[in-house]
């Protein structure tokens, strides 16, 4: 049986047991008054009391109806437990007033209802301040309804005075039954509180375990992110190393071979030597161009000085002025600020696509659009160049794919009716700078 089911069963048992105790005390008091009146001993009975007892029917009706209202409010408190602090306070205050009223109706001859109210007060209380207020309220409530402490001030009539209408054996029986009810009520209260404390402890333990798991997951995520960044840097370093090695190594090899040939031909044919030196110069210039191209694939200088949108606008403006192409740029993303690696990829994709459109497609009109939807940033570039029926991936397209893949992005392209490129990047919105 689950813990929640056990707690529910204990509550129901407490409700039934306290109802039986209320009926016993209120009923015995009412019957005593009727017996005393029937025996014509009312005057003698009243002479022993300081106050006149309530009407017997009033005692029974007030006690039972007050108790039933208390149970109803207790059930409502459980149903409305999450409706706010003010609602819970009002319910607790209502339970305390009903507890006092019902106990007073029984002339404070049964204070077991205090445990029922205390159980409801304890449930859901958290924090040292709330527990302090709870303790004060419990002490105050118990003090008010305890006959030995305040019964004299409220002119309450002890139960023993009512029991004088019964014979000795009946008195002993009634006292024994009430004693059993009180003991059972205390036992059920202890069990109920034990289950609540165990539940709170298990919930606290569960939260601690979840926090530990979350901390472990965060640690692993940080390690993974650091490893991924390290791997990305390593791949980029290796790529640059290979490219520079291939371009610069090839150029230097040609230069060395050309110089050796020039030294050999210097005395034989000065004109042929001059032509060879011209070729060596061309090879050297091409090597420098290749090296610059490789180094320029690091973070663009424009992004170090300008915001991403301003850097794109400046780059496209310079490209259009140099080539004579009309470039239309439309940005639908506001604000346009991302992480550095995202900015670099966006910049390079636009730069490479624009350069390819002018160099290979001979386009004079280029349309660039950037938008975002459902966590994806979409870059679309359309030109009016010559296009191609079957696209073969060159350096530019491969380079864009490599950069996009570092961010788990995708690249789509087509060569009919000009050339069209669509790049999509899953933006890390949780880390986006506002």
Protein backbone atom coordinates (compact mmCIF):
# COMPACT_ATOMS: atom_id res chain seq x y z
CA UNK A 1 0.00 0.00 0.00
CA UNK A 2 1.38 3.43 -0.94
CA UNK A 3 2.26 6.07 1.63
CA UNK A 4 -0.45 8.42 0.33
CA UNK A 5 -3.07 5.71 0.73
CA UNK A 6 -1.94 4.98 4.30
CA UNK A 7 -2.15 8.69 5.19
CA UNK A 8 -5.66 8.87 3.72
CA UNK A 9 -6.77 5.83 5.73
CA UNK A 10 -5.31 7.31 8.93
CA UNK A 11 -7.17 10.57 8.32
CA UNK A 12 -10.45 8.77 7.80
CA UNK A 13 -9.89 6.76 10.98
CA UNK A 14 -9.19 9.97 12.92
CA UNK A 15 -12.38 11.56 11.56
CA UNK A 16 -14.51 8.56 12.55
CA UNK A 17 -12.87 8.15 15.96
CA UNK A 18 -13.32 11.83 16.88
CA UNK A 19 -16.94 11.75 15.69
CA UNK A 20 -17.56 8.82 18.02
CA UNK A 21 -15.89 10.68 20.91
CA UNK A 22 -17.94 13.85 20.25
CA UNK A 23 -21.16 11.83 20.11
CA UNK A 24 -20.20 10.03 23.33
CA UNK A 25 -19.43 13.18 25.32
CA UNK A 26 -22.25 15.35 23.95
CA UNK A 27 -24.76 12.49 24.05
CA UNK A 28 -23.90 11.49 27.62
CA UNK A 29 -24.19 15.12 28.73
CA UNK A 30 -27.60 15.51 27.07
CA UNK A 31 -28.91 12.23 28.42
CA UNK A 32 -27.68 13.17 31.92
CA UNK A 33 -29.69 16.38 31.86
CA UNK A 34 -32.81 14.54 30.71
CA UNK A 35 -32.32 11.88 33.43
CA UNK A 36 -31.82 14.52 36.13
CA UNK A 37 -34.96 16.37 35.04
CA UNK A 38 -36.99 13.14 34.93
CA UNK A 39 -35.73 12.21 38.41
CA UNK A 40 -36.82 15.59 39.78
CA UNK A 41 -33.23 16.27 40.92
CA UNK A 42 -32.63 19.40 38.84
CA UNK A 43 -32.48 21.67 41.86
CA UNK A 44 -29.95 19.47 43.59
CA UNK A 45 -27.88 19.23 40.39
CA UNK A 46 -27.89 22.97 39.82
CA UNK A 47 -26.85 23.61 43.41
CA UNK A 48 -23.60 21.79 42.68
CA UNK A 49 -22.83 23.96 39.64
CA UNK A 50 -21.76 27.57 39.23
CA UNK A 51 -23.58 28.02 35.91
CA UNK A 52 -26.65 26.62 34.26
CA UNK A 53 -25.91 23.98 31.58
CA UNK A 54 -27.02 24.41 27.99
CA UNK A 55 -30.18 22.94 26.62
CA UNK A 56 -29.47 19.21 25.98
CA UNK A 57 -30.53 19.43 22.34
CA UNK A 58 -28.34 22.50 21.87
CA UNK A 59 -25.35 20.61 23.26
CA UNK A 60 -25.80 17.72 20.81
CA UNK A 61 -26.60 19.87 17.77
CA UNK A 62 -23.81 22.39 18.40
CA UNK A 63 -21.19 19.72 19.11
CA UNK A 64 -21.94 17.43 16.17
CA UNK A 65 -22.60 20.19 13.62
CA UNK A 66 -19.46 22.05 14.71
CA UNK A 67 -17.40 18.90 14.36
CA UNK A 68 -18.84 18.08 10.91
CA UNK A 69 -18.06 21.63 9.76
CA UNK A 70 -14.52 21.15 11.07
CA UNK A 71 -14.11 17.94 9.05
CA UNK A 72 -15.54 19.61 5.95
CA UNK A 73 -13.13 22.52 6.26
CA UNK A 74 -10.25 20.10 6.80
CA UNK A 75 -11.11 18.27 3.56
CA UNK A 76 -11.40 21.59 1.71
CA UNK A 77 -7.98 22.56 3.02
CA UNK A 78 -6.47 19.45 1.47
CA UNK A 79 -8.17 20.11 -1.87
CA UNK A 80 -7.15 23.79 -1.87
CA UNK A 81 -3.65 23.21 -0.49
CA UNK A 82 -2.01 24.79 -3.55
CA UNK A 83 -4.33 27.79 -3.90
CA UNK A 84 -2.07 30.18 -2.07
CA UNK A 85 -0.79 31.12 1.36
CA UNK A 86 -3.73 33.40 2.22
CA UNK A 87 -6.30 30.68 1.47
CA UNK A 88 -4.42 28.20 3.64
CA UNK A 89 -4.20 30.67 6.53
CA UNK A 90 -7.94 31.39 6.37
CA UNK A 91 -8.73 27.66 6.42
CA UNK A 92 -6.43 27.06 9.41
CA UNK A 93 -7.99 29.97 11.31
CA UNK A 94 -11.45 28.61 10.50
CA UNK A 95 -10.47 25.16 11.77
CA UNK A 96 -9.14 26.63 15.01
CA UNK A 97 -12.36 28.59 15.62
CA UNK A 98 -14.52 25.53 14.89
CA UNK A 99 -12.33 23.42 17.17
CA UNK A 100 -12.74 25.93 20.01
CA UNK A 101 -16.48 26.26 19.40
CA UNK A 102 -17.09 22.50 19.30
CA UNK A 103 -14.96 21.92 22.38
CA UNK A 104 -16.77 24.68 24.29
CA UNK A 105 -20.12 23.13 23.29
CA UNK A 106 -18.93 19.96 25.07
CA UNK A 107 -17.83 22.08 28.07
CA UNK A 108 -14.17 21.30 27.24
CA UNK A 109 -14.66 17.70 28.30
CA UNK A 110 -12.90 16.40 25.16
CA UNK A 111 -9.91 18.14 23.60
CA UNK A 112 -8.90 15.44 21.11
CA UNK A 113 -10.02 17.72 18.27
CA UNK A 114 -6.86 19.74 18.82
CA UNK A 115 -4.80 16.88 17.34
CA UNK A 116 -6.93 16.91 14.19
CA UNK A 117 -6.34 20.65 13.71
CA UNK A 118 -2.64 20.30 14.53
CA UNK A 119 -2.28 17.61 11.85
CA UNK A 120 -3.77 19.95 9.27
CA UNK A 121 -1.56 22.81 10.46
CA UNK A 122 1.61 20.73 10.21
CA UNK A 123 0.88 19.49 6.68
CA UNK A 124 2.61 21.69 4.13
CA UNK A 125 4.45 23.93 6.61
CA UNK A 126 8.05 24.66 5.54
CA UNK A 127 10.76 26.93 6.84
CA UNK A 128 11.84 27.78 10.38
CA UNK A 129 9.67 30.90 10.54
CA UNK A 130 6.50 29.05 9.58
CA UNK A 131 7.27 26.28 12.06
CA UNK A 132 7.78 28.84 14.85
CA UNK A 133 4.41 30.44 14.12
CA UNK A 134 2.88 26.96 13.96
CA UNK A 135 4.29 26.04 17.37
CA UNK A 136 2.91 29.21 18.95
CA UNK A 137 -0.52 28.59 17.40
CA UNK A 138 -0.59 24.97 18.65
CA UNK A 139 0.32 25.96 22.20
CA UNK A 140 -2.27 28.72 22.18
CA UNK A 141 -5.00 26.44 20.84
CA UNK A 142 -4.25 23.68 23.35
CA UNK A 143 -4.24 26.21 26.19
CA UNK A 144 -7.66 27.56 25.22
CA UNK A 145 -9.42 24.19 24.96
CA UNK A 146 -7.79 22.55 28.01
CA UNK A 147 -10.32 22.36 30.85
CA UNK A 148 -7.74 22.26 33.60
CA UNK A 149 -6.12 25.47 32.34
CA UNK A 150 -9.03 27.65 31.19
CA UNK A 151 -12.20 25.74 32.03
CA UNK A 152 -12.71 27.69 35.23
CA UNK A 153 -12.44 31.04 33.48
CA UNK A 154 -15.12 30.05 30.95
CA UNK A 155 -17.42 28.52 33.62
CA UNK A 156 -17.32 25.10 32.02
CA UNK A 157 -19.05 22.13 33.71
CA UNK A 158 -16.85 19.05 34.20
CA UNK A 159 -17.97 15.79 32.63
CA UNK A 160 -17.92 14.11 36.05
CA UNK A 161 -20.78 16.36 37.17
CA UNK A 162 -22.95 15.10 34.33
CA UNK A 163 -22.01 11.49 35.05
CA UNK A 164 -23.54 11.70 38.50
CA UNK A 165 -26.85 10.85 36.81
CA UNK A 166 -25.52 7.34 36.09
CA UNK A 167 -24.65 4.50 38.40
CA UNK A 168 -21.08 3.69 39.27
CA UNK A 169 -20.62 0.92 36.70
CA UNK A 170 -22.00 3.08 33.89
CA UNK A 171 -19.75 5.94 34.89
CA UNK A 172 -16.73 3.67 34.82
CA UNK A 173 -17.77 2.29 31.42
CA UNK A 174 -18.24 5.74 29.87
CA UNK A 175 -14.94 6.99 31.28
CA UNK A 176 -13.20 3.87 29.97
CA UNK A 177 -14.65 4.29 26.49
CA UNK A 178 -13.61 7.96 26.34
CA UNK A 179 -10.15 7.04 27.61
CA UNK A 180 -9.85 4.43 24.84
CA UNK A 181 -10.98 6.98 22.23
CA UNK A 182 -8.44 9.52 23.49
CA UNK A 183 -5.61 6.97 23.48
CA UNK A 184 -6.48 5.70 20.00
CA UNK A 185 -6.74 9.26 18.75
CA UNK A 186 -3.25 9.98 20.09
CA UNK A 187 -1.85 6.79 18.53
CA UNK A 188 -3.38 7.60 15.13
CA UNK A 189 -2.05 11.15 15.37
CA UNK A 190 1.47 9.87 16.06
CA UNK A 191 1.25 7.45 13.11
CA UNK A 192 -0.06 10.21 10.86
CA UNK A 193 2.73 12.59 11.85
CA UNK A 194 5.31 9.82 11.37
CA UNK A 195 4.09 9.22 7.82
CA UNK A 196 4.16 12.95 7.07
CA UNK A 197 7.72 13.30 8.39
CA UNK A 198 8.86 10.25 6.43
CA UNK A 199 7.25 11.65 3.29
CA UNK A 200 8.95 15.01 3.80
CA UNK A 201 12.29 13.31 4.39
CA UNK A 202 11.92 11.18 1.25
CA UNK A 203 10.91 14.23 -0.79
CA UNK A 204 13.93 16.13 0.49
CA UNK A 205 16.14 13.15 -0.32
CA UNK A 206 14.64 12.91 -3.81
CA UNK A 207 15.29 16.62 -4.42
CA UNK A 208 18.87 16.23 -3.23
CA UNK A 209 19.37 13.30 -5.60
CA UNK A 210 17.91 15.33 -8.46
CA UNK A 211 20.21 18.23 -7.62
CA UNK A 212 23.20 15.91 -7.58
CA UNK A 213 22.18 14.45 -10.93
CA UNK A 214 21.73 17.96 -12.32
CA UNK A 215 25.15 19.02 -11.07
CA UNK A 216 26.70 15.92 -12.59
CA UNK A 217 24.93 16.56 -15.89
CA UNK A 218 26.12 20.19 -15.86
CA UNK A 219 29.67 19.05 -15.16
CA UNK A 220 29.57 16.56 -18.04
CA UNK A 221 28.03 19.18 -20.30
CA UNK A 222 30.80 21.64 -19.50
CA UNK A 223 33.41 18.96 -20.14
CA UNK A 224 31.73 18.06 -23.43
CA UNK A 225 31.53 21.72 -24.46
CA UNK A 226 35.21 22.24 -23.63
CA UNK A 227 36.14 19.08 -25.53
CA UNK A 228 34.00 20.08 -28.50
CA UNK A 229 35.59 23.53 -28.57
CA UNK A 230 39.03 21.98 -28.34
CA UNK A 231 38.24 19.58 -31.19
CA UNK A 232 36.87 22.41 -33.30
CA UNK A 233 40.03 24.44 -32.74
CA UNK A 234 42.14 21.40 -33.57
CA UNK A 235 40.23 20.76 -36.81
CA UNK A 236 40.55 24.41 -37.80
CA UNK A 237 44.27 24.41 -36.96
CA UNK A 238 44.84 21.22 -38.97
CA UNK A 239 42.86 22.60 -41.89
CA UNK A 240 44.89 25.79 -41.94
CA UNK A 241 48.11 23.83 -41.56
CA UNK A 242 47.26 21.58 -44.52
CA UNK A 243 46.18 24.48 -46.70
CA UNK A 244 49.20 26.62 -45.95
CA UNK A 245 51.48 23.62 -46.36
CA UNK A 246 50.00 22.76 -49.72
CA UNK A 247 49.92 26.30 -51.11
CA UNK A 248 53.12 27.70 -49.60
CA UNK A 249 55.03 24.45 -50.01
CA UNK A 250 54.08 24.22 -53.65
CA UNK A 251 55.04 27.86 -54.24
CA UNK A 252 58.38 27.55 -52.47
CA UNK A 253 59.21 24.38 -54.37
CA UNK A 254 58.56 26.12 -57.67
CA UNK A 255 60.57 29.15 -56.58
CA UNK A 256 63.56 27.04 -55.55
CA UNK A 257 63.47 25.06 -58.78
CA UNK A 258 63.16 28.25 -60.81
CA UNK A 259 66.09 29.92 -59.08
CA UNK A 260 68.27 26.87 -59.66
CA UNK A 261 67.36 26.94 -63.34
CA UNK A 262 68.05 30.68 -63.54
CA UNK A 263 71.49 30.23 -62.03
CA UNK A 264 72.24 27.61 -64.64
CA UNK A 265 71.04 29.77 -67.56
CA UNK A 266 72.38 33.10 -66.28
CA UNK A 267 75.62 33.07 -68.36
CA UNK A 268 74.15 31.14 -71.29
CA UNK A 269 70.94 33.07 -71.99
CA UNK A 270 70.19 36.25 -70.05
CA UNK A 271 66.86 36.68 -71.87
CA UNK A 272 65.69 33.19 -70.92
CA UNK A 273 66.81 33.91 -67.36
CA UNK A 274 64.74 37.10 -67.29
CA UNK A 275 61.66 35.21 -68.49
CA UNK A 276 62.26 32.53 -65.86
CA UNK A 277 62.50 35.17 -63.13
CA UNK A 278 59.20 36.64 -64.29
CA UNK A 279 57.60 33.23 -63.90
CA UNK A 280 59.17 32.85 -60.46
CA UNK A 281 57.66 36.20 -59.46
CA UNK A 282 54.24 35.06 -60.63
CA UNK A 283 54.56 31.88 -58.56
CA UNK A 284 55.63 33.89 -55.51
CA UNK A 285 52.72 36.32 -55.87
CA UNK A 286 50.28 33.45 -56.26
CA UNK A 287 51.72 31.81 -53.15
CA UNK A 288 51.27 35.03 -51.19
CA UNK A 289 47.68 35.23 -52.42
CA UNK A 290 47.00 31.68 -51.33
CA UNK A 291 48.51 32.31 -47.90
CA UNK A 292 46.46 35.47 -47.45
CA UNK A 293 43.36 33.53 -48.46
CA UNK A 294 44.08 30.86 -45.85
CA UNK A 295 44.82 33.35 -43.09
CA UNK A 296 41.74 35.42 -43.95
CA UNK A 297 39.59 32.47 -42.94
CA UNK A 298 40.31 33.32 -39.32
CA UNK A 299 37.86 35.68 -37.55
CA UNK A 300 37.33 38.61 -39.93
CA UNK A 301 38.84 41.93 -38.93
CA UNK A 302 35.47 43.58 -39.62
CA UNK A 303 33.82 41.57 -36.82
CA UNK A 304 36.48 42.74 -34.38
CA UNK A 305 35.61 46.38 -35.12
CA UNK A 306 31.88 46.32 -35.97
CA UNK A 307 28.68 44.61 -34.99
CA UNK A 308 27.68 41.68 -37.22
CA UNK A 309 24.96 43.53 -39.15
CA UNK A 310 27.19 46.57 -39.72
CA UNK A 311 30.07 44.32 -40.81
CA UNK A 312 27.82 42.56 -43.34
CA UNK A 313 26.50 45.83 -44.72
CA UNK A 314 30.03 47.22 -45.13
CA UNK A 315 31.35 44.05 -46.76
CA UNK A 316 28.44 43.87 -49.23
CA UNK A 317 28.72 47.57 -50.00
CA UNK A 318 32.45 47.25 -50.77
CA UNK A 319 31.85 44.13 -52.87
CA UNK A 320 29.11 45.83 -54.85
CA UNK A 321 31.23 48.93 -55.44
CA UNK A 322 34.19 46.89 -56.64
CA UNK A 323 32.22 44.55 -58.91
CA UNK A 324 29.39 46.83 -60.04
CA UNK A 325 26.80 44.27 -58.84
CA UNK A 326 23.56 45.36 -57.20
CA UNK A 327 23.35 43.57 -53.84
CA UNK A 328 20.11 43.71 -51.83
CA UNK A 329 20.43 42.78 -48.14
CA UNK A 330 17.36 42.18 -45.95
CA UNK A 331 17.66 41.34 -42.25
CA UNK A 332 14.50 40.19 -40.42
CA UNK A 333 16.25 39.26 -37.16
CA UNK A 334 16.23 41.72 -34.28
CA UNK A 335 18.39 41.85 -32.21
CA UNK A 336 21.13 40.56 -34.50
CA UNK A 337 23.71 39.53 -31.89
CA UNK A 338 24.99 35.98 -31.43
CA UNK A 339 27.98 34.09 -30.10
CA UNK A 340 31.32 34.71 -31.81
CA UNK A 341 31.43 31.37 -33.63
CA UNK A 342 27.89 31.94 -34.94
CA UNK A 343 28.74 35.46 -36.12
CA UNK A 344 31.83 34.19 -37.94
CA UNK A 345 29.91 31.45 -39.76
CA UNK A 346 27.12 33.87 -40.79
CA UNK A 347 29.65 36.38 -42.07
CA UNK A 348 31.71 33.82 -43.97
CA UNK A 349 28.68 32.15 -45.59
CA UNK A 350 27.40 35.49 -46.89
CA UNK A 351 30.90 36.52 -48.02
CA UNK A 352 31.66 33.23 -49.80
CA UNK A 353 28.24 33.00 -51.47
CA UNK A 354 28.49 36.60 -52.72
CA UNK A 355 32.03 36.11 -54.01
CA UNK A 356 31.09 32.90 -55.84
CA UNK A 357 28.02 34.54 -57.40
CA UNK A 358 30.16 37.31 -58.89
CA UNK A 359 33.28 35.30 -59.77
CA UNK A 360 31.74 32.09 -61.11
CA UNK A 361 28.14 33.03 -61.84
CA UNK A 362 28.94 36.48 -63.33
CA UNK A 363 25.87 37.78 -61.50
CA UNK A 364 25.04 41.48 -61.38
CA UNK A 365 22.04 41.18 -59.02
CA UNK A 366 22.21 39.36 -55.69
CA UNK A 367 19.48 39.10 -53.04
CA UNK A 368 20.39 38.16 -49.47
CA UNK A 369 17.79 37.48 -46.75
CA UNK A 370 18.32 36.49 -43.11
CA UNK A 371 15.41 35.33 -40.90
CA UNK A 372 14.75 33.11 -37.90
CA UNK A 373 11.93 30.73 -37.00
CA UNK A 374 11.53 27.87 -34.48
CA UNK A 375 15.09 28.16 -33.21
CA UNK A 376 16.70 28.16 -36.68
CA UNK A 377 18.51 31.00 -38.43
CA UNK A 378 18.02 30.87 -42.20
CA UNK A 379 20.31 32.61 -44.72
CA UNK A 380 19.06 32.71 -48.32
CA UNK A 381 21.20 34.00 -51.23
CA UNK A 382 19.76 34.21 -54.74
CA UNK A 383 21.59 35.61 -57.78
CA UNK A 384 20.80 36.09 -61.47
CA UNK A 385 24.02 34.51 -62.69
CA UNK A 386 24.49 31.83 -65.34
CA UNK A 387 23.85 28.99 -62.88
CA UNK A 388 24.54 25.40 -63.84
CA UNK A 389 22.49 22.26 -64.41
CA UNK A 390 24.73 19.94 -62.42
CA UNK A 391 26.51 21.52 -59.48
CA UNK A 392 29.97 20.29 -58.61
CA UNK A 393 31.16 21.24 -55.15
CA UNK A 394 34.19 23.43 -55.32
CA UNK A 395 36.28 24.95 -52.59
CA UNK A 396 33.67 27.59 -51.73
CA UNK A 397 30.73 25.22 -51.18
CA UNK A 398 32.87 22.72 -49.29
CA UNK A 399 34.20 25.47 -47.09
CA UNK A 400 30.67 26.70 -46.27
CA UNK A 401 29.58 23.15 -45.43
CA UNK A 402 32.56 22.65 -43.13
CA UNK A 403 31.83 25.83 -41.22
CA UNK A 404 28.10 25.11 -40.95
CA UNK A 405 28.75 21.56 -39.76
CA UNK A 406 30.69 22.94 -36.78
CA UNK A 407 27.38 24.44 -35.60
CA UNK A 408 25.25 21.46 -36.72
CA UNK A 409 23.93 23.56 -39.57
CA UNK A 410 22.88 22.55 -43.09
CA UNK A 411 23.50 23.86 -46.61
CA UNK A 412 21.22 23.51 -49.64
CA UNK A 413 21.89 24.91 -53.12
CA UNK A 414 20.69 24.78 -56.69
CA UNK A 415 21.97 26.08 -60.03
CA UNK A 416 18.84 26.65 -62.11
CA UNK A 417 17.70 30.19 -62.93
CA UNK A 418 20.78 31.66 -61.35
CA UNK A 419 22.22 30.13 -58.22
CA UNK A 420 20.36 29.71 -54.94
CA UNK A 421 21.88 28.93 -51.51
CA UNK A 422 20.00 28.24 -48.27
CA UNK A 423 22.03 27.90 -45.05
CA UNK A 424 20.31 26.99 -41.78
CA UNK A 425 21.88 27.21 -38.29
CA UNK A 426 20.33 26.04 -34.98
CA UNK A 427 20.87 29.15 -32.91
CA UNK A 428 21.68 28.67 -29.21
CA UNK A 429 18.88 30.95 -28.04
CA UNK A 430 19.58 30.27 -24.36
CA UNK A 431 23.00 31.85 -24.83
CA UNK A 432 22.02 34.62 -27.23
CA UNK A 433 23.12 38.05 -26.09
CA UNK A 434 20.23 40.49 -25.81
